[in-house]
């Protein structure tokens, strides 16, 4: 067991919890207080030796993705999603006041504080990709955000602001509801295609201004009155980029293939977990955005207990075959905002 000494304290390293692009997260014992600490959440101190810099934070050991995995990726009830969303929105509002873009919001970067005592109380972590808006806005093609949660502005090379974090949060809300990522693209083209299939093509003036539009779109040889652009086929994209096809691609033909992709999985999910009579998945999902209807209990997760046993935890759902989660962005949890 390694020991690390700072000017004011001594830490016994218990285990390495994870490694990222720019560092690693370790669990340690703080001798002066007897507290367990890790490089996440509440900042305590920093120091360095001849080889490394050390950042000491309070210990939180489970993020939303790990929580989903532990529960077989079963869909989360809408009231719990609202509870999480309200807290993350508060964190994003505070970041906006500070003119900071988080730029890597995803389930792995939302930590549960204490699921036993304070169900679904969360904190936003990992500011390794965060940027000051006034500085990053002039970067021509920034490579930020993990792919499943990457906003259209970033994908297309458009001017952007802190609202890219709100897009990521929307994708997270859908993922908590569905039990799998909303847009599980194999690459950026796949990501753009998923979005277009559900949201429609971007407006012509948007594509004219997008410096990366030519990667994914081409001029329509038979333009109509609405849009002179069309999305490239996956074959065109692969031929141009010489990229190897990885995983299963959703077919280009047919109406809204992503909806069919999810429809087959929703049918399988309902066999394992039947919704109440008369309920619809789509209507339930639309209710998630009605945050003003949340009750005081939903808005204050530490006030009450957890959910009813078997309501969600007991559901067993086979997660779909999706591409490997994107490793974009650092995983070192080096700064936090308490949601």
C-alpha atoms as a PDB file:
ATOM      1  CA  UNK A   1       0.000   0.000   0.000  1.00  0.00           C
ATOM      2  CA  UNK A   2       1.561   3.275  -1.166  1.00  0.00           C
ATOM      3  CA  UNK A   3       1.693   6.349   1.037  1.00  0.00           C
ATOM      4  CA  UNK A   4       1.629   9.932  -0.245  1.00  0.00           C
ATOM      5  CA  UNK A   5       2.734  12.880   1.882  1.00  0.00           C
ATOM      6  CA  UNK A   6       1.555  16.469   1.434  1.00  0.00           C
ATOM      7  CA  UNK A   7       2.688  19.477   3.461  1.00  0.00           C
ATOM      8  CA  UNK A   8      -0.282  19.154   5.794  1.00  0.00           C
ATOM      9  CA  UNK A   9      -1.377  15.523   5.675  1.00  0.00           C
ATOM     10  CA  UNK A  10      -0.596  11.927   4.788  1.00  0.00           C
ATOM     11  CA  UNK A  11      -2.637   9.591   2.569  1.00  0.00           C
ATOM     12  CA  UNK A  12      -2.556   5.808   2.338  1.00  0.00           C
ATOM     13  CA  UNK A  13      -3.572   4.726  -1.176  1.00  0.00           C
ATOM     14  CA  UNK A  14      -6.091   1.878  -0.913  1.00  0.00           C
ATOM     15  CA  UNK A  15      -6.830   1.176  -4.578  1.00  0.00           C
ATOM     16  CA  UNK A  16      -7.034   2.746  -8.017  1.00  0.00           C
ATOM     17  CA  UNK A  17     -10.675   3.387  -8.929  1.00  0.00           C
ATOM     18  CA  UNK A  18     -10.158   4.315 -12.562  1.00  0.00           C
ATOM     19  CA  UNK A  19      -7.855   5.778 -15.171  1.00  0.00           C
ATOM     20  CA  UNK A  20      -8.506   8.477 -17.753  1.00  0.00           C
ATOM     21  CA  UNK A  21      -6.765  10.349 -20.515  1.00  0.00           C
ATOM     22  CA  UNK A  22      -4.909  12.711 -18.216  1.00  0.00           C
ATOM     23  CA  UNK A  23      -4.578  10.826 -14.954  1.00  0.00           C
ATOM     24  CA  UNK A  24      -6.063   8.280 -12.591  1.00  0.00           C
ATOM     25  CA  UNK A  25      -8.492   8.259  -9.675  1.00  0.00           C
ATOM     26  CA  UNK A  26      -7.359   6.568  -6.477  1.00  0.00           C
ATOM     27  CA  UNK A  27      -9.141   5.802  -3.214  1.00  0.00           C
ATOM     28  CA  UNK A  28      -7.152   6.815  -0.157  1.00  0.00           C
ATOM     29  CA  UNK A  29      -7.240   7.048   3.630  1.00  0.00           C
ATOM     30  CA  UNK A  30      -6.669  10.531   5.047  1.00  0.00           C
ATOM     31  CA  UNK A  31      -4.737   9.966   8.269  1.00  0.00           C
ATOM     32  CA  UNK A  32      -5.514  13.293   9.942  1.00  0.00           C
ATOM     33  CA  UNK A  33      -9.288  12.786   9.842  1.00  0.00           C
ATOM     34  CA  UNK A  34      -9.714   9.082   9.166  1.00  0.00           C
ATOM     35  CA  UNK A  35     -11.799   9.972   6.130  1.00  0.00           C
ATOM     36  CA  UNK A  36     -11.784   8.055   2.887  1.00  0.00           C
ATOM     37  CA  UNK A  37     -10.983  10.397  -0.009  1.00  0.00           C
ATOM     38  CA  UNK A  38     -10.687  10.132  -3.789  1.00  0.00           C
ATOM     39  CA  UNK A  39      -9.907  12.548  -6.601  1.00  0.00           C
ATOM     40  CA  UNK A  40     -13.539  13.553  -7.045  1.00  0.00           C
ATOM     41  CA  UNK A  41     -16.096  16.109  -5.833  1.00  0.00           C
ATOM     42  CA  UNK A  42     -15.387  18.422  -2.864  1.00  0.00           C
ATOM     43  CA  UNK A  43     -11.884  19.786  -3.273  1.00  0.00           C
ATOM     44  CA  UNK A  44      -9.670  19.481  -0.185  1.00  0.00           C
ATOM     45  CA  UNK A  45      -6.110  20.191  -1.264  1.00  0.00           C
ATOM     46  CA  UNK A  46      -3.478  19.668  -3.935  1.00  0.00           C
ATOM     47  CA  UNK A  47       0.229  18.906  -3.825  1.00  0.00           C
ATOM     48  CA  UNK A  48       2.905  17.268  -5.954  1.00  0.00           C
ATOM     49  CA  UNK A  49       6.081  15.254  -5.819  1.00  0.00           C
ATOM     50  CA  UNK A  50       8.812  14.778  -8.388  1.00  0.00           C
ATOM     51  CA  UNK A  51       6.570  12.677 -10.646  1.00  0.00           C
ATOM     52  CA  UNK A  52       2.918  13.603 -10.169  1.00  0.00           C
ATOM     53  CA  UNK A  53       0.398  16.246  -9.149  1.00  0.00           C
ATOM     54  CA  UNK A  54      -2.244  15.148  -6.632  1.00  0.00           C
ATOM     55  CA  UNK A  55      -5.758  16.561  -6.202  1.00  0.00           C
ATOM     56  CA  UNK A  56      -7.707  15.460  -3.117  1.00  0.00           C
ATOM     57  CA  UNK A  57     -11.519  15.398  -3.139  1.00  0.00           C
ATOM     58  CA  UNK A  58     -14.306  13.836  -1.095  1.00  0.00           C
ATOM     59  CA  UNK A  59     -15.126  10.232  -1.917  1.00  0.00           C
ATOM     60  CA  UNK A  60     -18.090   9.300  -4.103  1.00  0.00           C
ATOM     61  CA  UNK A  61     -17.891   5.834  -5.589  1.00  0.00           C
ATOM     62  CA  UNK A  62     -20.808   5.337  -8.003  1.00  0.00           C
ATOM     63  CA  UNK A  63     -21.903   7.265 -11.075  1.00  0.00           C
ATOM     64  CA  UNK A  64     -25.181   7.020 -12.966  1.00  0.00           C
ATOM     65  CA  UNK A  65     -23.794   4.667 -15.606  1.00  0.00           C
ATOM     66  CA  UNK A  66     -22.505   2.263 -12.946  1.00  0.00           C
ATOM     67  CA  UNK A  67     -25.862   2.506 -11.182  1.00  0.00           C
ATOM     68  CA  UNK A  68     -27.683   1.640 -14.424  1.00  0.00           C
ATOM     69  CA  UNK A  69     -25.333  -1.265 -15.073  1.00  0.00           C
ATOM     70  CA  UNK A  70     -25.818  -2.595 -11.552  1.00  0.00           C
ATOM     71  CA  UNK A  71     -29.565  -2.618 -12.202  1.00  0.00           C
ATOM     72  CA  UNK A  72     -29.392  -4.314 -15.627  1.00  0.00           C
ATOM     73  CA  UNK A  73     -30.000  -0.999 -17.431  1.00  0.00           C
ATOM     74  CA  UNK A  74     -33.645  -1.056 -16.405  1.00  0.00           C
ATOM     75  CA  UNK A  75     -35.501   2.178 -17.270  1.00  0.00           C
ATOM     76  CA  UNK A  76     -35.658   4.677 -14.429  1.00  0.00           C
ATOM     77  CA  UNK A  77     -39.092   5.946 -13.309  1.00  0.00           C
ATOM     78  CA  UNK A  78     -39.909   9.438 -14.561  1.00  0.00           C
ATOM     79  CA  UNK A  79     -40.047  10.969 -11.086  1.00  0.00           C
ATOM     80  CA  UNK A  80     -36.464   9.913 -10.367  1.00  0.00           C
ATOM     81  CA  UNK A  81     -35.304  11.246 -13.729  1.00  0.00           C
ATOM     82  CA  UNK A  82     -36.916  14.594 -12.876  1.00  0.00           C
ATOM     83  CA  UNK A  83     -35.109  14.601  -9.533  1.00  0.00           C
ATOM     84  CA  UNK A  84     -31.740  14.062 -11.212  1.00  0.00           C
ATOM     85  CA  UNK A  85     -32.476  16.515 -14.025  1.00  0.00           C
ATOM     86  CA  UNK A  86     -33.450  19.368 -11.714  1.00  0.00           C
ATOM     87  CA  UNK A  87     -30.171  19.085  -9.844  1.00  0.00           C
ATOM     88  CA  UNK A  88     -28.043  18.938 -12.987  1.00  0.00           C
ATOM     89  CA  UNK A  89     -29.903  21.950 -14.390  1.00  0.00           C
ATOM     90  CA  UNK A  90     -29.014  23.887 -11.252  1.00  0.00           C
ATOM     91  CA  UNK A  91     -25.380  22.954 -11.759  1.00  0.00           C
ATOM     92  CA  UNK A  92     -25.503  24.048 -15.404  1.00  0.00           C
ATOM     93  CA  UNK A  93     -27.179  27.313 -14.432  1.00  0.00           C
ATOM     94  CA  UNK A  94     -24.347  28.001 -12.010  1.00  0.00           C
ATOM     95  CA  UNK A  95     -21.781  27.187 -14.693  1.00  0.00           C
ATOM     96  CA  UNK A  96     -23.483  29.615 -17.048  1.00  0.00           C
ATOM     97  CA  UNK A  97     -23.147  32.339 -14.418  1.00  0.00           C
ATOM     98  CA  UNK A  98     -19.419  31.591 -14.404  1.00  0.00           C
ATOM     99  CA  UNK A  99     -19.296  31.459 -18.241  1.00  0.00           C
ATOM    100  CA  UNK A 100     -18.055  27.852 -18.126  1.00  0.00           C
ATOM    101  CA  UNK A 101     -18.934  25.057 -20.552  1.00  0.00           C
ATOM    102  CA  UNK A 102     -18.626  21.610 -18.987  1.00  0.00           C
ATOM    103  CA  UNK A 103     -18.208  19.945 -22.411  1.00  0.00           C
ATOM    104  CA  UNK A 104     -18.302  16.319 -21.225  1.00  0.00           C
ATOM    105  CA  UNK A 105     -21.644  15.775 -19.527  1.00  0.00           C
ATOM    106  CA  UNK A 106     -22.588  12.076 -19.526  1.00  0.00           C
ATOM    107  CA  UNK A 107     -23.876   9.485 -17.020  1.00  0.00           C
ATOM    108  CA  UNK A 108     -20.307   8.646 -15.991  1.00  0.00           C
ATOM    109  CA  UNK A 109     -19.837  12.267 -14.872  1.00  0.00           C
ATOM    110  CA  UNK A 110     -22.923  12.474 -12.671  1.00  0.00           C
ATOM    111  CA  UNK A 111     -22.231  10.932  -9.279  1.00  0.00           C
ATOM    112  CA  UNK A 112     -24.715   9.665  -6.715  1.00  0.00           C
ATOM    113  CA  UNK A 113     -23.903  11.224  -3.344  1.00  0.00           C
ATOM    114  CA  UNK A 114     -25.388   8.587  -1.032  1.00  0.00           C
ATOM    115  CA  UNK A 115     -28.081   6.418  -2.598  1.00  0.00           C
ATOM    116  CA  UNK A 116     -29.036   4.864   0.746  1.00  0.00           C
ATOM    117  CA  UNK A 117     -29.542   8.044   2.793  1.00  0.00           C
ATOM    118  CA  UNK A 118     -30.223  10.538  -0.021  1.00  0.00           C
ATOM    119  CA  UNK A 119     -31.712   8.708  -3.016  1.00  0.00           C
ATOM    120  CA  UNK A 120     -30.832  10.328  -6.333  1.00  0.00           C
ATOM    121  CA  UNK A 121     -28.961  13.257  -4.890  1.00  0.00           C
ATOM    122  CA  UNK A 122     -26.267  13.891  -7.493  1.00  0.00           C
ATOM    123  CA  UNK A 123     -23.193  15.989  -8.187  1.00  0.00           C
ATOM    124  CA  UNK A 124     -21.655  16.914 -11.523  1.00  0.00           C
ATOM    125  CA  UNK A 125     -17.982  15.987 -11.809  1.00  0.00           C
ATOM    126  CA  UNK A 126     -15.051  15.939 -14.226  1.00  0.00           C
ATOM    127  CA  UNK A 127     -14.103  19.352 -15.537  1.00  0.00           C
ATOM    128  CA  UNK A 128     -11.124  18.058 -17.465  1.00  0.00           C
ATOM    129  CA  UNK A 129     -12.698  19.220 -20.734  1.00  0.00           C
ATOM    130  CA  UNK A 130     -14.338  22.356 -19.330  1.00  0.00           C
ATOM    131  CA  UNK A 131     -13.624  25.675 -20.979  1.00  0.00           C
ATOM    132  CA  UNK A 132     -14.223  29.362 -20.419  1.00  0.00           C
ATOM    133  CA  UNK A 133     -16.804  30.344 -23.021  1.00  0.00           C
ATOM    134  CA  UNK A 134     -14.996  33.526 -24.047  1.00  0.00           C
ATOM    135  CA  UNK A 135     -11.885  31.480 -24.866  1.00  0.00           C
ATOM    136  CA  UNK A 136     -13.274  28.348 -26.530  1.00  0.00           C
ATOM    137  CA  UNK A 137     -15.840  30.116 -28.736  1.00  0.00           C
ATOM    138  CA  UNK A 138     -13.091  31.043 -31.187  1.00  0.00           C
ATOM    139  CA  UNK A 139     -11.797  27.491 -31.616  1.00  0.00           C
ATOM    140  CA  UNK A 140     -12.729  26.487 -35.172  1.00  0.00           C
ATOM    141  CA  UNK A 141     -13.363  22.770 -34.683  1.00  0.00           C
ATOM    142  CA  UNK A 142     -13.167  21.883 -30.982  1.00  0.00           C
ATOM    143  CA  UNK A 143     -13.079  18.178 -30.177  1.00  0.00           C
ATOM    144  CA  UNK A 144     -15.237  18.089 -27.075  1.00  0.00           C
ATOM    145  CA  UNK A 145     -18.097  16.040 -25.628  1.00  0.00           C
ATOM    146  CA  UNK A 146     -18.373  12.267 -25.647  1.00  0.00           C
ATOM    147  CA  UNK A 147     -19.883  11.084 -28.906  1.00  0.00           C
ATOM    148  CA  UNK A 148     -23.272   9.791 -27.700  1.00  0.00           C
ATOM    149  CA  UNK A 149     -23.894  13.187 -26.054  1.00  0.00           C
ATOM    150  CA  UNK A 150     -22.230  15.467 -28.637  1.00  0.00           C
ATOM    151  CA  UNK A 151     -24.368  18.436 -29.646  1.00  0.00           C
ATOM    152  CA  UNK A 152     -25.172  19.182 -33.324  1.00  0.00           C
ATOM    153  CA  UNK A 153     -23.192  22.428 -33.106  1.00  0.00           C
ATOM    154  CA  UNK A 154     -20.043  20.471 -32.321  1.00  0.00           C
ATOM    155  CA  UNK A 155     -20.741  17.730 -34.866  1.00  0.00           C
ATOM    156  CA  UNK A 156     -21.311  20.230 -37.672  1.00  0.00           C
ATOM    157  CA  UNK A 157     -18.677  22.800 -36.739  1.00  0.00           C
ATOM    158  CA  UNK A 158     -21.043  25.644 -35.865  1.00  0.00           C
ATOM    159  CA  UNK A 159     -20.686  28.477 -33.355  1.00  0.00           C
ATOM    160  CA  UNK A 160     -21.667  27.170 -29.931  1.00  0.00           C
ATOM    161  CA  UNK A 161     -22.223  28.196 -26.343  1.00  0.00           C
ATOM    162  CA  UNK A 162     -23.017  26.581 -23.014  1.00  0.00           C
ATOM    163  CA  UNK A 163     -26.239  25.185 -24.500  1.00  0.00           C
ATOM    164  CA  UNK A 164     -24.250  22.210 -25.794  1.00  0.00           C
ATOM    165  CA  UNK A 165     -24.376  20.951 -22.203  1.00  0.00           C
ATOM    166  CA  UNK A 166     -28.176  21.120 -22.274  1.00  0.00           C
ATOM    167  CA  UNK A 167     -28.203  18.865 -25.357  1.00  0.00           C
ATOM    168  CA  UNK A 168     -26.068  16.362 -23.457  1.00  0.00           C
ATOM    169  CA  UNK A 169     -28.457  16.490 -20.514  1.00  0.00           C
ATOM    170  CA  UNK A 170     -31.400  15.799 -22.821  1.00  0.00           C
ATOM    171  CA  UNK A 171     -29.625  12.718 -24.163  1.00  0.00           C
ATOM    172  CA  UNK A 172     -28.952  11.569 -20.601  1.00  0.00           C
ATOM    173  CA  UNK A 173     -32.627  11.998 -19.654  1.00  0.00           C
ATOM    174  CA  UNK A 174     -33.650   9.840 -22.601  1.00  0.00           C
ATOM    175  CA  UNK A 175     -31.022   7.225 -21.744  1.00  0.00           C
ATOM    176  CA  UNK A 176     -32.258   6.944 -18.164  1.00  0.00           C
ATOM    177  CA  UNK A 177     -35.779   6.457 -19.504  1.00  0.00           C
ATOM    178  CA  UNK A 178     -34.910   3.994 -22.275  1.00  0.00           C
ATOM    179  CA  UNK A 179     -32.162   2.033 -20.565  1.00  0.00           C
ATOM    180  CA  UNK A 180     -29.704   2.594 -23.439  1.00  0.00           C
ATOM    181  CA  UNK A 181     -28.211   5.636 -25.236  1.00  0.00           C
ATOM    182  CA  UNK A 182     -30.619   7.669 -27.341  1.00  0.00           C
ATOM    183  CA  UNK A 183     -28.120   8.135 -30.191  1.00  0.00           C
ATOM    184  CA  UNK A 184     -25.555   5.291 -29.978  1.00  0.00           C
ATOM    185  CA  UNK A 185     -23.492   6.257 -33.019  1.00  0.00           C
ATOM    186  CA  UNK A 186     -20.421   4.285 -34.093  1.00  0.00           C
ATOM    187  CA  UNK A 187     -18.819   7.488 -35.377  1.00  0.00           C
ATOM    188  CA  UNK A 188     -19.714  11.127 -36.015  1.00  0.00           C
ATOM    189  CA  UNK A 189     -21.516  10.379 -39.277  1.00  0.00           C
ATOM    190  CA  UNK A 190     -23.622   7.737 -37.558  1.00  0.00           C
ATOM    191  CA  UNK A 191     -24.369  10.251 -34.814  1.00  0.00           C
ATOM    192  CA  UNK A 192     -25.512  12.882 -37.324  1.00  0.00           C
ATOM    193  CA  UNK A 193     -27.660  10.312 -39.144  1.00  0.00           C
ATOM    194  CA  UNK A 194     -29.415   9.236 -35.943  1.00  0.00           C
ATOM    195  CA  UNK A 195     -30.205  12.862 -35.117  1.00  0.00           C
ATOM    196  CA  UNK A 196     -31.486  13.620 -38.624  1.00  0.00           C
ATOM    197  CA  UNK A 197     -33.760  10.591 -38.561  1.00  0.00           C
ATOM    198  CA  UNK A 198     -35.525  11.839 -35.447  1.00  0.00           C
ATOM    199  CA  UNK A 199     -35.152  15.624 -35.757  1.00  0.00           C
ATOM    200  CA  UNK A 200     -35.076  16.083 -39.538  1.00  0.00           C
ATOM    201  CA  UNK A 201     -32.370  17.689 -41.661  1.00  0.00           C
ATOM    202  CA  UNK A 202     -30.849  20.937 -40.401  1.00  0.00           C
ATOM    203  CA  UNK A 203     -32.142  24.067 -42.118  1.00  0.00           C
ATOM    204  CA  UNK A 204     -30.256  25.118 -45.284  1.00  0.00           C
ATOM    205  CA  UNK A 205     -28.842  28.278 -43.691  1.00  0.00           C
ATOM    206  CA  UNK A 206     -27.475  26.161 -40.828  1.00  0.00           C
ATOM    207  CA  UNK A 207     -25.661  23.782 -43.176  1.00  0.00           C
ATOM    208  CA  UNK A 208     -24.332  26.709 -45.223  1.00  0.00           C
ATOM    209  CA  UNK A 209     -22.697  28.049 -42.051  1.00  0.00           C
ATOM    210  CA  UNK A 210     -21.399  24.676 -40.798  1.00  0.00           C
ATOM    211  CA  UNK A 211     -17.719  24.154 -41.580  1.00  0.00           C
ATOM    212  CA  UNK A 212     -18.066  20.357 -41.229  1.00  0.00           C
ATOM    213  CA  UNK A 213     -21.286  19.994 -43.211  1.00  0.00           C
ATOM    214  CA  UNK A 214     -19.426  18.522 -46.204  1.00  0.00           C
ATOM    215  CA  UNK A 215     -18.361  15.564 -44.047  1.00  0.00           C
ATOM    216  CA  UNK A 216     -21.940  14.364 -43.656  1.00  0.00           C
ATOM    217  CA  UNK A 217     -24.064  16.107 -46.295  1.00  0.00           C
ATOM    218  CA  UNK A 218     -23.944  16.692 -50.041  1.00  0.00           C
ATOM    219  CA  UNK A 219     -25.802  18.884 -52.459  1.00  0.00           C
ATOM    220  CA  UNK A 220     -29.073  17.373 -53.570  1.00  0.00           C
ATOM    221  CA  UNK A 221     -28.937  16.821 -57.351  1.00  0.00           C
ATOM    222  CA  UNK A 222     -32.703  17.284 -57.389  1.00  0.00           C
ATOM    223  CA  UNK A 223     -33.218  20.016 -54.796  1.00  0.00           C
ATOM    224  CA  UNK A 224     -36.713  20.726 -53.636  1.00  0.00           C
ATOM    225  CA  UNK A 225     -38.099  23.950 -52.325  1.00  0.00           C
ATOM    226  CA  UNK A 226     -37.264  23.141 -48.720  1.00  0.00           C
ATOM    227  CA  UNK A 227     -33.654  21.946 -48.654  1.00  0.00           C
ATOM    228  CA  UNK A 228     -30.895  21.795 -51.290  1.00  0.00           C
ATOM    229  CA  UNK A 229     -28.909  19.396 -49.081  1.00  0.00           C
ATOM    230  CA  UNK A 230     -29.200  15.680 -48.445  1.00  0.00           C
ATOM    231  CA  UNK A 231     -27.505  13.343 -45.997  1.00  0.00           C
ATOM    232  CA  UNK A 232     -24.805  11.152 -47.495  1.00  0.00           C
ATOM    233  CA  UNK A 233     -25.368   7.424 -47.426  1.00  0.00           C
ATOM    234  CA  UNK A 234     -23.276   5.358 -45.053  1.00  0.00           C
ATOM    235  CA  UNK A 235     -21.585   3.777 -48.095  1.00  0.00           C
ATOM    236  CA  UNK A 236     -20.614   7.219 -49.423  1.00  0.00           C
ATOM    237  CA  UNK A 237     -19.266   8.247 -46.055  1.00  0.00           C
ATOM    238  CA  UNK A 238     -17.232   5.080 -45.591  1.00  0.00           C
ATOM    239  CA  UNK A 239     -15.877   5.284 -49.121  1.00  0.00           C
ATOM    240  CA  UNK A 240     -14.778   8.882 -48.598  1.00  0.00           C
ATOM    241  CA  UNK A 241     -13.247   8.389 -45.180  1.00  0.00           C
ATOM    242  CA  UNK A 242     -12.031   4.824 -45.757  1.00  0.00           C
ATOM    243  CA  UNK A 243     -13.312   4.053 -42.304  1.00  0.00           C
ATOM    244  CA  UNK A 244     -14.003   0.473 -41.331  1.00  0.00           C
ATOM    245  CA  UNK A 245     -17.602  -0.238 -40.475  1.00  0.00           C
ATOM    246  CA  UNK A 246     -17.787  -1.132 -36.806  1.00  0.00           C
ATOM    247  CA  UNK A 247     -20.765  -2.756 -35.146  1.00  0.00           C
ATOM    248  CA  UNK A 248     -24.258  -2.951 -36.573  1.00  0.00           C
ATOM    249  CA  UNK A 249     -25.437  -0.016 -38.655  1.00  0.00           C
ATOM    250  CA  UNK A 250     -29.085   0.943 -38.774  1.00  0.00           C
ATOM    251  CA  UNK A 251     -30.299   0.571 -42.402  1.00  0.00           C
ATOM    252  CA  UNK A 252     -30.553   3.723 -44.497  1.00  0.00           C
ATOM    253  CA  UNK A 253     -33.778   2.647 -46.189  1.00  0.00           C
ATOM    254  CA  UNK A 254     -37.220   2.767 -44.688  1.00  0.00           C
ATOM    255  CA  UNK A 255     -39.016   5.415 -42.609  1.00  0.00           C
ATOM    256  CA  UNK A 256     -37.104   6.583 -39.600  1.00  0.00           C
ATOM    257  CA  UNK A 257     -34.984   3.464 -39.007  1.00  0.00           C
ATOM    258  CA  UNK A 258     -33.892   4.636 -35.562  1.00  0.00           C
ATOM    259  CA  UNK A 259     -37.513   4.484 -34.429  1.00  0.00           C
ATOM    260  CA  UNK A 260     -37.740   0.906 -35.651  1.00  0.00           C
ATOM    261  CA  UNK A 261     -34.437   0.233 -33.904  1.00  0.00           C
ATOM    262  CA  UNK A 262     -35.919   1.346 -30.595  1.00  0.00           C
ATOM    263  CA  UNK A 263     -39.380  -0.056 -31.273  1.00  0.00           C
ATOM    264  CA  UNK A 264     -38.111  -3.626 -31.311  1.00  0.00           C
ATOM    265  CA  UNK A 265     -36.328  -3.067 -28.028  1.00  0.00           C
ATOM    266  CA  UNK A 266     -39.273  -1.354 -26.387  1.00  0.00           C
ATOM    267  CA  UNK A 267     -41.378  -4.394 -27.279  1.00  0.00           C
ATOM    268  CA  UNK A 268     -38.830  -6.672 -25.630  1.00  0.00           C
ATOM    269  CA  UNK A 269     -38.580  -4.416 -22.615  1.00  0.00           C
ATOM    270  CA  UNK A 270     -42.342  -4.391 -22.057  1.00  0.00           C
ATOM    271  CA  UNK A 271     -42.350  -8.177 -21.907  1.00  0.00           C
ATOM    272  CA  UNK A 272     -40.089  -7.962 -18.873  1.00  0.00           C
ATOM    273  CA  UNK A 273     -41.629  -4.858 -17.361  1.00  0.00           C
ATOM    274  CA  UNK A 274     -45.210  -4.117 -18.341  1.00  0.00           C
ATOM    275  CA  UNK A 275     -46.240  -0.463 -17.978  1.00  0.00           C
ATOM    276  CA  UNK A 276     -49.466   0.416 -16.166  1.00  0.00           C
ATOM    277  CA  UNK A 277     -52.635   0.006 -18.215  1.00  0.00           C
ATOM    278  CA  UNK A 278     -53.108   2.873 -20.629  1.00  0.00           C
ATOM    279  CA  UNK A 279     -49.586   4.227 -20.269  1.00  0.00           C
ATOM    280  CA  UNK A 280     -47.366   4.902 -23.241  1.00  0.00           C
ATOM    281  CA  UNK A 281     -43.605   5.119 -23.305  1.00  0.00           C
ATOM    282  CA  UNK A 282     -43.620   8.222 -25.492  1.00  0.00           C
ATOM    283  CA  UNK A 283     -46.113  10.088 -23.323  1.00  0.00           C
ATOM    284  CA  UNK A 284     -44.179   9.170 -20.197  1.00  0.00           C
ATOM    285  CA  UNK A 285     -40.996  10.488 -21.771  1.00  0.00           C
ATOM    286  CA  UNK A 286     -42.647  13.762 -22.777  1.00  0.00           C
ATOM    287  CA  UNK A 287     -43.697  14.249 -19.166  1.00  0.00           C
ATOM    288  CA  UNK A 288     -40.065  14.297 -18.080  1.00  0.00           C
ATOM    289  CA  UNK A 289     -39.671  17.864 -19.304  1.00  0.00           C
ATOM    290  CA  UNK A 290     -42.529  19.097 -17.133  1.00  0.00           C
ATOM    291  CA  UNK A 291     -40.146  19.889 -14.331  1.00  0.00           C
ATOM    292  CA  UNK A 292     -42.435  22.472 -12.779  1.00  0.00           C
ATOM    293  CA  UNK A 293     -44.813  19.658 -11.822  1.00  0.00           C
ATOM    294  CA  UNK A 294     -42.247  17.935  -9.654  1.00  0.00           C
ATOM    295  CA  UNK A 295     -43.366  17.543  -6.060  1.00  0.00           C
ATOM    296  CA  UNK A 296     -41.284  18.829  -3.116  1.00  0.00           C
ATOM    297  CA  UNK A 297     -40.258  15.232  -2.444  1.00  0.00           C
ATOM    298  CA  UNK A 298     -38.950  14.877  -6.002  1.00  0.00           C
ATOM    299  CA  UNK A 299     -37.146  18.193  -5.728  1.00  0.00           C
ATOM    300  CA  UNK A 300     -35.498  17.252  -2.432  1.00  0.00           C
ATOM    301  CA  UNK A 301     -34.262  13.680  -2.744  1.00  0.00           C
ATOM    302  CA  UNK A 302     -32.838  13.520   0.774  1.00  0.00           C
ATOM    303  CA  UNK A 303     -36.234  13.951   2.387  1.00  0.00           C
ATOM    304  CA  UNK A 304     -37.654  10.533   1.719  1.00  0.00           C
ATOM    305  CA  UNK A 305     -36.688   6.945   1.229  1.00  0.00           C
ATOM    306  CA  UNK A 306     -35.992   5.061  -1.960  1.00  0.00           C
ATOM    307  CA  UNK A 307     -38.391   3.504  -4.442  1.00  0.00           C
ATOM    308  CA  UNK A 308     -40.614   0.523  -3.852  1.00  0.00           C
ATOM    309  CA  UNK A 309     -38.733  -2.749  -4.100  1.00  0.00           C
ATOM    310  CA  UNK A 310     -39.353  -4.438  -7.431  1.00  0.00           C
ATOM    311  CA  UNK A 311     -40.727  -1.329  -9.116  1.00  0.00           C
ATOM    312  CA  UNK A 312     -37.476  -0.643 -10.900  1.00  0.00           C
ATOM    313  CA  UNK A 313     -34.643  -2.490  -9.247  1.00  0.00           C
ATOM    314  CA  UNK A 314     -36.352  -5.829  -9.794  1.00  0.00           C
ATOM    315  CA  UNK A 315     -36.839  -5.378 -13.552  1.00  0.00           C
ATOM    316  CA  UNK A 316     -34.502  -7.444 -15.676  1.00  0.00           C
ATOM    317  CA  UNK A 317     -33.883  -5.974 -19.114  1.00  0.00           C
ATOM    318  CA  UNK A 318     -31.457  -7.238 -21.719  1.00  0.00           C
ATOM    319  CA  UNK A 319     -29.433  -4.193 -22.839  1.00  0.00           C
ATOM    320  CA  UNK A 320     -29.203  -3.806 -26.628  1.00  0.00           C
ATOM    321  CA  UNK A 321     -26.037  -4.407 -28.586  1.00  0.00           C
ATOM    322  CA  UNK A 322     -24.674  -0.894 -28.950  1.00  0.00           C
ATOM    323  CA  UNK A 323     -21.249   0.420 -29.862  1.00  0.00           C
ATOM    324  CA  UNK A 324     -18.653   0.638 -27.126  1.00  0.00           C
ATOM    325  CA  UNK A 325     -19.136   3.755 -25.059  1.00  0.00           C
ATOM    326  CA  UNK A 326     -17.099   6.620 -26.384  1.00  0.00           C
ATOM    327  CA  UNK A 327     -13.903   7.325 -24.500  1.00  0.00           C
ATOM    328  CA  UNK A 328     -13.695  10.904 -25.711  1.00  0.00           C
ATOM    329  CA  UNK A 329     -12.830  13.384 -23.036  1.00  0.00           C
ATOM    330  CA  UNK A 330     -10.783  12.769 -19.924  1.00  0.00           C
ATOM    331  CA  UNK A 331     -12.086  10.500 -17.207  1.00  0.00           C
ATOM    332  CA  UNK A 332      -9.964  12.101 -14.491  1.00  0.00           C
ATOM    333  CA  UNK A 333     -12.420  13.647 -12.082  1.00  0.00           C
ATOM    334  CA  UNK A 334     -10.486  16.777 -11.343  1.00  0.00           C
ATOM    335  CA  UNK A 335     -13.069  19.398 -10.468  1.00  0.00           C
ATOM    336  CA  UNK A 336     -16.709  19.429  -9.455  1.00  0.00           C
ATOM    337  CA  UNK A 337     -19.856  21.438  -9.034  1.00  0.00           C
ATOM    338  CA  UNK A 338     -22.344  20.371  -6.416  1.00  0.00           C
ATOM    339  CA  UNK A 339     -25.642  20.041  -8.244  1.00  0.00           C
END
